[in-house]
């Protein structure tokens, strides 16, 4: 029995050393890189929608962009597309920022600049305003601007987390039109 005591003591020391090393590695991994601070990118001439290839400058209404951790930003010609991508359960890439345009400041027919954080924006869903995908969702930096727009153009004012997949369903269109 006395011969096994040094072996047991040695095993305890090894287990402690392994546990300490594992904790150190986990702590280092938890620190990782600091959160990446991003700025919205401007739309260049010829910028195409990531979802359907349409040129953003050819269509009215607010545009959107999603910035990913390891990829170049993707631009969208309609907010429905941005929400559709964001709300997909199978979305695997890590999103670091979402931007849309403040339509309280930007020109509806040719919006440029005026990027705002999509998660803090207010949205008008169900208005009569048209965008590249038909009836458009409009985005605003302030709730007051969204309410003014809804009063004039119709629709309901919502926060980012109130927009549902059903509101941004793009599965219709000619592919699903049984009359053709």
N, C-alpha and C. Protein backbone atom coordinates (compact mmCIF):
# COMPACT_ATOMS: atom_id res chain seq x y z
N UNK A 1 0.81 -1.19 0.00
CA UNK A 1 0.00 0.00 0.00
C UNK A 1 0.86 1.25 0.00
N UNK A 2 2.00 1.21 0.69
CA UNK A 2 2.84 2.39 0.76
C UNK A 2 3.39 2.80 -0.60
N UNK A 3 3.59 1.82 -1.51
CA UNK A 3 4.09 2.14 -2.84
C UNK A 3 3.07 2.91 -3.66
N UNK A 4 1.80 2.70 -3.39
CA UNK A 4 0.76 3.38 -4.18
C UNK A 4 0.54 4.82 -3.72
N UNK A 5 0.93 5.18 -2.50
CA UNK A 5 0.73 6.54 -2.00
C UNK A 5 1.50 7.56 -2.84
N UNK A 6 2.78 7.35 -3.18
CA UNK A 6 3.47 8.35 -4.02
C UNK A 6 2.84 8.45 -5.41
N UNK A 7 2.36 7.34 -5.95
CA UNK A 7 1.73 7.37 -7.27
C UNK A 7 0.44 8.18 -7.21
N UNK A 8 -0.35 7.98 -6.16
CA UNK A 8 -1.60 8.73 -6.01
C UNK A 8 -1.31 10.22 -5.84
N UNK A 9 -0.29 10.55 -5.06
CA UNK A 9 0.08 11.95 -4.86
C UNK A 9 0.54 12.57 -6.18
N UNK A 10 1.30 11.81 -6.95
CA UNK A 10 1.76 12.29 -8.26
C UNK A 10 0.57 12.52 -9.20
N UNK A 11 -0.41 11.62 -9.17
CA UNK A 11 -1.60 11.77 -10.02
C UNK A 11 -2.40 13.01 -9.63
N UNK A 12 -2.53 13.25 -8.33
CA UNK A 12 -3.26 14.43 -7.86
C UNK A 12 -2.55 15.70 -8.35
N UNK A 13 -1.22 15.72 -8.29
CA UNK A 13 -0.47 16.89 -8.77
C UNK A 13 -0.68 17.10 -10.27
N UNK A 14 -0.67 16.02 -11.04
CA UNK A 14 -0.89 16.12 -12.49
C UNK A 14 -2.30 16.62 -12.81
N UNK A 15 -3.27 16.12 -12.07
CA UNK A 15 -4.65 16.56 -12.29
C UNK A 15 -4.79 18.04 -11.97
N UNK A 16 -4.18 18.48 -10.87
CA UNK A 16 -4.23 19.90 -10.52
C UNK A 16 -3.56 20.76 -11.60
N UNK A 17 -2.41 20.31 -12.09
CA UNK A 17 -1.70 21.06 -13.12
C UNK A 17 -2.53 21.13 -14.40
N UNK A 18 -3.16 20.02 -14.78
CA UNK A 18 -4.02 20.01 -15.96
C UNK A 18 -5.21 20.94 -15.78
N UNK A 19 -5.81 20.91 -14.61
CA UNK A 19 -6.97 21.78 -14.34
C UNK A 19 -6.56 23.25 -14.40
N UNK A 20 -5.42 23.58 -13.82
CA UNK A 20 -4.95 24.97 -13.86
C UNK A 20 -4.66 25.40 -15.30
N UNK A 21 -4.03 24.52 -16.06
CA UNK A 21 -3.75 24.84 -17.46
C UNK A 21 -5.02 25.01 -18.27
N UNK A 22 -5.99 24.14 -18.04
CA UNK A 22 -7.27 24.25 -18.75
C UNK A 22 -7.97 25.55 -18.40
N UNK A 23 -7.96 25.93 -17.13
CA UNK A 23 -8.58 27.20 -16.72
C UNK A 23 -7.89 28.38 -17.39
N UNK A 24 -6.57 28.34 -17.47
CA UNK A 24 -5.82 29.44 -18.10
C UNK A 24 -6.18 29.56 -19.57
N UNK A 25 -6.26 28.42 -20.26
CA UNK A 25 -6.63 28.44 -21.68
C UNK A 25 -8.04 28.97 -21.86
N UNK A 26 -8.97 28.53 -21.03
CA UNK A 26 -10.35 29.00 -21.13
C UNK A 26 -10.44 30.50 -20.88
N UNK A 27 -9.70 31.00 -19.91
CA UNK A 27 -9.71 32.44 -19.64
C UNK A 27 -9.15 33.23 -20.82
N UNK A 28 -8.09 32.73 -21.42
CA UNK A 28 -7.53 33.42 -22.59
C UNK A 28 -8.50 33.40 -23.76
N UNK A 29 -9.18 32.28 -23.96
CA UNK A 29 -10.16 32.20 -25.04
C UNK A 29 -11.34 33.13 -24.79
N UNK A 30 -11.74 33.25 -23.55
CA UNK A 30 -12.88 34.10 -23.23
C UNK A 30 -12.57 35.56 -23.52
N UNK A 31 -11.31 35.93 -23.33
CA UNK A 31 -10.94 37.32 -23.62
C UNK A 31 -11.04 37.59 -25.10
N UNK A 32 -10.44 36.72 -25.91
CA UNK A 32 -10.53 36.84 -27.36
C UNK A 32 -10.21 38.23 -27.86
N UNK A 33 -10.74 38.54 -29.02
CA UNK A 33 -10.56 39.86 -29.59
C UNK A 33 -11.61 40.80 -29.03
N UNK A 34 -11.27 42.07 -28.90
CA UNK A 34 -12.30 43.01 -28.48
C UNK A 34 -13.37 43.11 -29.57
N UNK A 35 -14.57 43.48 -29.17
CA UNK A 35 -15.66 43.62 -30.13
C UNK A 35 -15.26 44.61 -31.22
N UNK A 36 -15.50 44.22 -32.44
CA UNK A 36 -15.12 45.06 -33.58
C UNK A 36 -16.12 46.20 -33.72
N UNK A 37 -15.59 47.41 -33.74
CA UNK A 37 -16.44 48.58 -33.95
C UNK A 37 -16.49 48.83 -35.45
N UNK A 38 -17.68 48.89 -35.99
CA UNK A 38 -17.82 49.08 -37.43
C UNK A 38 -18.55 50.38 -37.72
N UNK A 39 -18.33 50.86 -38.90
CA UNK A 39 -19.04 52.03 -39.40
C UNK A 39 -19.77 51.59 -40.66
N UNK A 40 -20.91 52.20 -40.94
CA UNK A 40 -21.62 51.83 -42.17
C UNK A 40 -20.79 52.21 -43.39
N UNK A 41 -20.89 51.41 -44.41
CA UNK A 41 -20.21 51.68 -45.68
C UNK A 41 -21.17 52.40 -46.61
N UNK A 42 -20.65 53.27 -47.43
CA UNK A 42 -21.49 53.96 -48.41
C UNK A 42 -21.71 53.07 -49.62
N UNK A 43 -22.83 53.26 -50.25
CA UNK A 43 -23.17 52.50 -51.46
C UNK A 43 -22.42 53.14 -52.63
N UNK A 44 -21.66 52.33 -53.34
CA UNK A 44 -20.93 52.82 -54.52
C UNK A 44 -21.77 52.57 -55.77
N UNK A 45 -21.47 53.28 -56.82
CA UNK A 45 -22.15 53.05 -58.10
C UNK A 45 -21.93 51.59 -58.49
N UNK A 46 -22.97 50.93 -58.89
CA UNK A 46 -22.87 49.54 -59.30
C UNK A 46 -23.00 48.54 -58.17
N UNK A 47 -23.23 49.01 -56.93
CA UNK A 47 -23.41 48.08 -55.82
C UNK A 47 -24.70 47.29 -56.03
N UNK A 48 -24.57 45.98 -55.95
CA UNK A 48 -25.71 45.10 -56.18
C UNK A 48 -26.22 44.51 -54.87
N UNK A 49 -27.48 44.19 -54.86
CA UNK A 49 -28.12 43.55 -53.71
C UNK A 49 -27.55 42.14 -53.54
N UNK A 50 -27.20 41.78 -52.32
CA UNK A 50 -26.62 40.47 -52.04
C UNK A 50 -27.62 39.34 -52.29
N UNK A 51 -28.89 39.63 -52.19
CA UNK A 51 -29.90 38.57 -52.31
C UNK A 51 -30.34 38.33 -53.74
N UNK A 52 -30.53 39.40 -54.52
CA UNK A 52 -31.10 39.21 -55.86
C UNK A 52 -30.30 39.86 -56.98
N UNK A 53 -29.20 40.51 -56.67
CA UNK A 53 -28.34 41.10 -57.69
C UNK A 53 -28.84 42.40 -58.29
N UNK A 54 -29.96 42.92 -57.81
CA UNK A 54 -30.48 44.18 -58.34
C UNK A 54 -29.56 45.33 -57.92
N UNK A 55 -29.38 46.31 -58.82
CA UNK A 55 -28.55 47.46 -58.49
C UNK A 55 -29.29 48.38 -57.52
N UNK A 56 -28.67 48.69 -56.40
CA UNK A 56 -29.32 49.48 -55.36
C UNK A 56 -29.73 50.85 -55.85
N UNK A 57 -28.92 51.47 -56.66
CA UNK A 57 -29.20 52.84 -57.10
C UNK A 57 -30.39 52.93 -58.06
N UNK A 58 -30.87 51.79 -58.56
CA UNK A 58 -31.98 51.79 -59.51
C UNK A 58 -33.36 51.79 -58.85
N UNK A 59 -33.42 51.71 -57.52
CA UNK A 59 -34.71 51.56 -56.86
C UNK A 59 -34.89 52.55 -55.71
N UNK A 60 -36.13 52.97 -55.49
CA UNK A 60 -36.42 53.88 -54.38
C UNK A 60 -36.47 53.14 -53.05
N UNK A 61 -36.57 53.92 -51.99
CA UNK A 61 -36.75 53.36 -50.66
C UNK A 61 -35.45 53.07 -49.94
N UNK A 62 -35.56 52.81 -48.64
CA UNK A 62 -34.37 52.61 -47.82
C UNK A 62 -33.62 51.34 -48.18
N UNK A 63 -32.32 51.41 -48.06
CA UNK A 63 -31.43 50.28 -48.28
C UNK A 63 -30.92 49.81 -46.92
N UNK A 64 -30.28 48.65 -46.93
CA UNK A 64 -29.75 48.10 -45.68
C UNK A 64 -28.41 47.44 -45.95
N UNK A 65 -27.65 47.26 -44.88
CA UNK A 65 -26.40 46.51 -44.97
C UNK A 65 -26.21 45.70 -43.70
N UNK A 66 -25.67 44.51 -43.91
CA UNK A 66 -25.30 43.64 -42.79
C UNK A 66 -23.79 43.49 -42.84
N UNK A 67 -23.15 43.74 -41.71
CA UNK A 67 -21.71 43.55 -41.61
C UNK A 67 -21.45 42.32 -40.76
N UNK A 68 -20.65 41.42 -41.31
CA UNK A 68 -20.33 40.16 -40.66
C UNK A 68 -18.94 40.22 -40.05
N UNK A 69 -18.69 39.31 -39.12
CA UNK A 69 -17.41 39.29 -38.42
C UNK A 69 -16.24 39.07 -39.38
N UNK A 70 -16.36 38.16 -40.31
CA UNK A 70 -15.22 37.81 -41.15
C UNK A 70 -15.43 38.09 -42.65
N UNK A 71 -16.53 38.68 -43.03
CA UNK A 71 -16.81 38.89 -44.45
C UNK A 71 -17.05 40.37 -44.74
N UNK A 72 -17.02 40.69 -46.01
CA UNK A 72 -17.35 42.05 -46.45
C UNK A 72 -18.84 42.29 -46.19
N UNK A 73 -19.25 43.54 -46.02
CA UNK A 73 -20.68 43.80 -45.79
C UNK A 73 -21.52 43.40 -46.99
N UNK A 74 -22.74 43.01 -46.71
CA UNK A 74 -23.71 42.72 -47.77
C UNK A 74 -24.74 43.83 -47.77
N UNK A 75 -25.09 44.29 -48.97
CA UNK A 75 -26.08 45.35 -49.14
C UNK A 75 -27.38 44.75 -49.64
N UNK A 76 -28.49 45.41 -49.28
CA UNK A 76 -29.81 44.94 -49.67
C UNK A 76 -30.61 46.11 -50.22
N UNK A 77 -31.36 45.86 -51.29
CA UNK A 77 -32.13 46.92 -51.95
C UNK A 77 -33.47 47.16 -51.26
N UNK A 78 -33.78 46.38 -50.24
CA UNK A 78 -35.06 46.52 -49.54
C UNK A 78 -34.88 46.00 -48.11
N UNK A 79 -35.54 46.63 -47.16
CA UNK A 79 -35.41 46.20 -45.76
C UNK A 79 -36.00 44.82 -45.52
N UNK A 80 -36.98 44.43 -46.32
CA UNK A 80 -37.54 43.08 -46.17
C UNK A 80 -36.44 42.03 -46.33
N UNK A 81 -35.53 42.27 -47.27
CA UNK A 81 -34.44 41.32 -47.50
C UNK A 81 -33.51 41.25 -46.30
N UNK A 82 -33.14 42.40 -45.74
CA UNK A 82 -32.28 42.41 -44.57
C UNK A 82 -32.93 41.63 -43.42
N UNK A 83 -34.20 41.93 -43.16
CA UNK A 83 -34.89 41.23 -42.08
C UNK A 83 -35.01 39.74 -42.38
N UNK A 84 -35.29 39.39 -43.62
CA UNK A 84 -35.43 37.99 -43.97
C UNK A 84 -34.14 37.23 -43.66
N UNK A 85 -33.00 37.80 -44.04
CA UNK A 85 -31.71 37.16 -43.75
C UNK A 85 -31.47 37.12 -42.24
N UNK A 86 -31.69 38.23 -41.56
CA UNK A 86 -31.42 38.31 -40.13
C UNK A 86 -32.30 37.34 -39.32
N UNK A 87 -33.55 37.21 -39.71
CA UNK A 87 -34.50 36.40 -38.94
C UNK A 87 -34.45 34.91 -39.27
N UNK A 88 -33.66 34.50 -40.25
CA UNK A 88 -33.55 33.09 -40.60
C UNK A 88 -32.88 32.32 -39.46
N UNK A 89 -33.49 31.21 -39.08
CA UNK A 89 -32.90 30.40 -38.02
C UNK A 89 -31.55 29.83 -38.45
N UNK A 90 -31.39 29.57 -39.73
CA UNK A 90 -30.15 28.96 -40.21
C UNK A 90 -29.03 29.96 -40.45
N UNK A 91 -29.21 31.21 -40.07
CA UNK A 91 -28.17 32.24 -40.20
C UNK A 91 -27.00 31.83 -39.31
N UNK A 92 -25.86 31.52 -39.92
CA UNK A 92 -24.71 31.01 -39.16
C UNK A 92 -23.60 32.04 -38.99
N UNK A 93 -23.46 32.95 -39.95
CA UNK A 93 -22.36 33.91 -39.84
C UNK A 93 -22.64 34.90 -38.71
N UNK A 94 -21.57 35.28 -38.02
CA UNK A 94 -21.73 36.20 -36.90
C UNK A 94 -21.89 37.63 -37.42
N UNK A 95 -23.04 38.21 -37.13
CA UNK A 95 -23.34 39.58 -37.54
C UNK A 95 -22.78 40.53 -36.49
N UNK A 96 -22.01 41.53 -36.95
CA UNK A 96 -21.46 42.52 -36.01
C UNK A 96 -22.20 43.84 -36.09
N UNK A 97 -22.91 44.10 -37.19
CA UNK A 97 -23.66 45.35 -37.30
C UNK A 97 -24.72 45.24 -38.39
N UNK A 98 -25.82 45.94 -38.16
CA UNK A 98 -26.90 46.08 -39.14
C UNK A 98 -27.18 47.56 -39.28
N UNK A 99 -27.23 48.03 -40.51
CA UNK A 99 -27.53 49.44 -40.74
C UNK A 99 -28.65 49.57 -41.77
N UNK A 100 -29.42 50.62 -41.60
CA UNK A 100 -30.43 51.01 -42.58
C UNK A 100 -30.40 52.53 -42.68
N UNK A 101 -31.17 53.05 -43.60
CA UNK A 101 -31.15 54.50 -43.82
C UNK A 101 -32.31 55.18 -43.10
N UNK A 102 -32.02 56.34 -42.55
CA UNK A 102 -33.04 57.15 -41.87
C UNK A 102 -33.85 57.89 -42.93
N UNK A 103 -35.07 57.42 -43.16
CA UNK A 103 -35.90 58.02 -44.21
C UNK A 103 -36.53 59.33 -43.75
N UNK A 104 -36.29 59.73 -42.51
CA UNK A 104 -36.65 61.06 -42.07
C UNK A 104 -35.67 62.09 -42.62
N UNK A 105 -34.50 61.62 -43.07
CA UNK A 105 -33.44 62.49 -43.61
C UNK A 105 -33.16 62.23 -45.09
N UNK A 106 -33.22 60.98 -45.50
CA UNK A 106 -32.85 60.61 -46.88
C UNK A 106 -34.01 60.82 -47.85
N UNK A 107 -33.67 61.04 -49.11
CA UNK A 107 -34.65 61.18 -50.18
C UNK A 107 -35.19 59.80 -50.55
N UNK A 108 -36.50 59.63 -50.55
CA UNK A 108 -37.11 58.32 -50.82
C UNK A 108 -36.71 57.79 -52.20
N UNK A 109 -36.71 58.63 -53.19
CA UNK A 109 -36.46 58.17 -54.56
C UNK A 109 -34.99 57.82 -54.81
N UNK A 110 -34.08 58.48 -54.14
CA UNK A 110 -32.65 58.20 -54.30
C UNK A 110 -31.93 58.35 -52.96
N UNK A 111 -32.19 57.43 -52.04
CA UNK A 111 -31.58 57.58 -50.71
C UNK A 111 -30.06 57.39 -50.76
N UNK A 112 -29.38 58.28 -50.09
CA UNK A 112 -27.92 58.21 -49.98
C UNK A 112 -27.55 58.56 -48.54
N UNK A 113 -26.61 57.81 -47.98
CA UNK A 113 -26.14 58.11 -46.63
C UNK A 113 -27.22 57.98 -45.58
N UNK A 114 -27.07 58.77 -44.52
CA UNK A 114 -28.00 58.80 -43.39
C UNK A 114 -28.19 57.40 -42.78
N UNK A 115 -27.07 56.69 -42.60
CA UNK A 115 -27.12 55.34 -42.04
C UNK A 115 -27.36 55.40 -40.54
N UNK A 116 -28.19 54.49 -40.06
CA UNK A 116 -28.49 54.37 -38.63
C UNK A 116 -28.42 52.91 -38.22
N UNK A 117 -28.22 52.68 -36.94
CA UNK A 117 -28.21 51.32 -36.39
C UNK A 117 -29.60 50.72 -36.56
N UNK A 118 -29.68 49.64 -37.29
CA UNK A 118 -30.99 49.03 -37.58
C UNK A 118 -31.70 48.55 -36.31
N UNK A 119 -30.94 48.17 -35.30
CA UNK A 119 -31.57 47.64 -34.08
C UNK A 119 -32.20 48.72 -33.21
N UNK A 120 -31.82 49.97 -33.42
CA UNK A 120 -32.41 51.05 -32.63
C UNK A 120 -33.41 51.88 -33.44
N UNK A 121 -33.56 51.54 -34.71
CA UNK A 121 -34.46 52.29 -35.60
C UNK A 121 -35.92 51.94 -35.32
N UNK A 122 -36.80 52.78 -35.84
CA UNK A 122 -38.24 52.54 -35.81
C UNK A 122 -38.67 52.27 -37.25
N UNK A 123 -39.60 51.34 -37.42
CA UNK A 123 -40.00 50.89 -38.75
C UNK A 123 -41.49 51.11 -38.96
N UNK A 124 -41.84 51.47 -40.20
CA UNK A 124 -43.24 51.56 -40.58
C UNK A 124 -43.49 50.42 -41.56
N UNK A 125 -44.35 49.51 -41.14
CA UNK A 125 -44.71 48.34 -41.94
C UNK A 125 -46.14 48.52 -42.43
N UNK A 126 -46.36 48.26 -43.72
CA UNK A 126 -47.71 48.33 -44.27
C UNK A 126 -48.09 49.67 -44.85
N UNK A 127 -47.11 50.50 -45.18
CA UNK A 127 -47.43 51.79 -45.79
C UNK A 127 -47.72 51.60 -47.28
N UNK A 128 -48.16 52.67 -47.92
CA UNK A 128 -48.41 52.59 -49.37
C UNK A 128 -47.17 52.94 -50.19
N UNK A 129 -46.06 53.27 -49.54
CA UNK A 129 -44.82 53.59 -50.25
C UNK A 129 -44.23 52.32 -50.86
N UNK A 130 -43.67 52.47 -52.07
CA UNK A 130 -43.11 51.34 -52.80
C UNK A 130 -41.58 51.38 -52.79
N UNK A 131 -41.00 50.19 -52.77
CA UNK A 131 -39.56 50.03 -52.89
C UNK A 131 -39.27 49.00 -53.96
N UNK A 132 -38.11 48.42 -53.92
CA UNK A 132 -37.72 47.45 -54.95
C UNK A 132 -38.53 46.16 -54.89
N UNK A 133 -39.07 45.83 -53.74
CA UNK A 133 -39.83 44.59 -53.57
C UNK A 133 -41.32 44.86 -53.39
N UNK A 134 -41.80 45.97 -53.91
CA UNK A 134 -43.22 46.31 -53.75
C UNK A 134 -43.40 47.18 -52.52
N UNK A 135 -44.48 46.95 -51.76
CA UNK A 135 -44.70 47.76 -50.55
C UNK A 135 -43.47 47.68 -49.63
N UNK A 136 -42.94 48.84 -49.29
CA UNK A 136 -41.67 48.89 -48.56
C UNK A 136 -41.86 49.07 -47.06
N UNK A 137 -40.90 48.56 -46.32
CA UNK A 137 -40.77 48.89 -44.91
C UNK A 137 -39.88 50.13 -44.86
N UNK A 138 -40.30 51.14 -44.12
CA UNK A 138 -39.52 52.37 -44.00
C UNK A 138 -38.85 52.42 -42.63
N UNK A 139 -37.63 52.95 -42.58
CA UNK A 139 -36.87 53.02 -41.32
C UNK A 139 -36.60 54.47 -40.94
N UNK A 140 -36.60 54.70 -39.62
CA UNK A 140 -36.44 56.06 -39.09
C UNK A 140 -35.60 56.03 -37.82
N UNK A 141 -34.84 57.10 -37.62
CA UNK A 141 -34.03 57.23 -36.41
C UNK A 141 -34.90 57.55 -35.19
N UNK A 142 -36.02 58.24 -35.42
CA UNK A 142 -36.86 58.62 -34.28
C UNK A 142 -38.28 58.09 -34.44
N UNK A 143 -38.89 57.81 -33.32
CA UNK A 143 -40.28 57.34 -33.32
C UNK A 143 -41.21 58.43 -33.86
N UNK A 144 -40.91 59.69 -33.55
CA UNK A 144 -41.75 60.79 -34.01
C UNK A 144 -41.76 60.86 -35.54
N UNK A 145 -40.60 60.72 -36.17
CA UNK A 145 -40.52 60.74 -37.64
C UNK A 145 -41.29 59.56 -38.23
N UNK A 146 -41.18 58.40 -37.59
CA UNK A 146 -41.91 57.22 -38.06
C UNK A 146 -43.42 57.44 -37.94
N UNK A 147 -43.86 58.05 -36.83
CA UNK A 147 -45.29 58.32 -36.64
C UNK A 147 -45.80 59.32 -37.69
N UNK A 148 -45.01 60.34 -37.99
CA UNK A 148 -45.41 61.31 -39.03
C UNK A 148 -45.57 60.62 -40.38
N UNK A 149 -44.61 59.78 -40.72
CA UNK A 149 -44.65 59.05 -41.99
C UNK A 149 -45.88 58.14 -42.03
N UNK A 150 -46.13 57.40 -40.96
CA UNK A 150 -47.29 56.50 -40.90
C UNK A 150 -48.59 57.29 -41.01
N UNK A 151 -48.65 58.48 -40.43
CA UNK A 151 -49.84 59.31 -40.54
C UNK A 151 -50.12 59.74 -41.97
N UNK A 152 -49.06 59.95 -42.72
CA UNK A 152 -49.19 60.40 -44.12
C UNK A 152 -49.34 59.23 -45.10
N UNK A 153 -48.56 58.16 -44.90
CA UNK A 153 -48.48 57.07 -45.87
C UNK A 153 -49.17 55.78 -45.41
N UNK A 154 -49.68 55.77 -44.17
CA UNK A 154 -50.29 54.55 -43.63
C UNK A 154 -49.25 53.65 -43.01
N UNK A 155 -49.70 52.58 -42.40
CA UNK A 155 -48.81 51.60 -41.81
C UNK A 155 -48.74 51.69 -40.30
N UNK A 156 -48.00 50.77 -39.73
CA UNK A 156 -47.87 50.62 -38.29
C UNK A 156 -46.41 50.82 -37.89
N UNK A 157 -46.17 51.56 -36.82
CA UNK A 157 -44.81 51.81 -36.33
C UNK A 157 -44.41 50.67 -35.39
N UNK A 158 -43.23 50.09 -35.67
CA UNK A 158 -42.71 48.99 -34.87
C UNK A 158 -41.25 49.22 -34.54
N UNK A 159 -40.81 48.57 -33.45
CA UNK A 159 -39.39 48.53 -33.13
C UNK A 159 -38.77 47.33 -33.86
N UNK A 160 -37.45 47.28 -33.92
CA UNK A 160 -36.72 46.21 -34.60
C UNK A 160 -37.20 44.82 -34.16
N UNK A 161 -37.29 44.62 -32.85
CA UNK A 161 -37.64 43.30 -32.34
C UNK A 161 -39.11 42.94 -32.52
N UNK A 162 -39.91 43.83 -33.06
CA UNK A 162 -41.32 43.55 -33.32
C UNK A 162 -41.57 43.10 -34.76
N UNK A 163 -40.57 43.21 -35.61
CA UNK A 163 -40.71 42.77 -37.00
C UNK A 163 -40.59 41.24 -37.01
N UNK A 164 -41.56 40.58 -37.63
CA UNK A 164 -41.60 39.11 -37.64
C UNK A 164 -41.29 38.56 -39.04
N UNK A 165 -40.91 37.29 -39.12
CA UNK A 165 -40.66 36.68 -40.43
C UNK A 165 -41.87 36.76 -41.37
N UNK A 166 -43.06 36.69 -40.84
CA UNK A 166 -44.26 36.77 -41.68
C UNK A 166 -44.38 38.13 -42.36
N UNK A 167 -43.88 39.17 -41.73
CA UNK A 167 -43.95 40.52 -42.30
C UNK A 167 -42.98 40.73 -43.45
N UNK A 168 -41.97 39.87 -43.55
CA UNK A 168 -40.93 40.06 -44.56
C UNK A 168 -40.83 38.87 -45.52
N UNK A 169 -41.88 38.09 -45.61
CA UNK A 169 -41.90 36.91 -46.47
C UNK A 169 -41.83 37.33 -47.94
N UNK A 170 -40.82 36.85 -48.62
CA UNK A 170 -40.64 37.17 -50.05
C UNK A 170 -40.88 35.93 -50.92
N UNK A 171 -41.58 34.95 -50.40
CA UNK A 171 -41.74 33.69 -51.14
C UNK A 171 -42.78 33.76 -52.25
N UNK A 172 -43.47 34.87 -52.41
CA UNK A 172 -44.45 35.00 -53.50
C UNK A 172 -43.76 35.27 -54.81
N UNK A 173 -44.43 35.92 -55.69
CA UNK A 173 -43.83 36.29 -56.97
C UNK A 173 -44.17 35.32 -58.07
N UNK A 174 -43.54 35.50 -59.20
CA UNK A 174 -43.87 34.74 -60.40
C UNK A 174 -43.63 33.24 -60.22
N UNK A 175 -42.65 32.84 -59.43
CA UNK A 175 -42.36 31.43 -59.23
C UNK A 175 -43.54 30.72 -58.57
N UNK A 176 -44.27 31.42 -57.72
CA UNK A 176 -45.38 30.81 -56.99
C UNK A 176 -46.74 31.22 -57.54
N UNK A 177 -46.77 31.92 -58.64
CA UNK A 177 -48.03 32.39 -59.22
C UNK A 177 -48.66 31.26 -60.02
N UNK A 178 -49.72 30.66 -59.52
CA UNK A 178 -50.38 29.51 -60.15
C UNK A 178 -51.20 29.91 -61.37
N UNK A 179 -51.43 31.20 -61.56
CA UNK A 179 -52.23 31.66 -62.69
C UNK A 179 -51.43 31.64 -63.99
N UNK A 180 -50.15 31.48 -63.92
CA UNK A 180 -49.32 31.54 -65.14
C UNK A 180 -49.18 30.19 -65.78
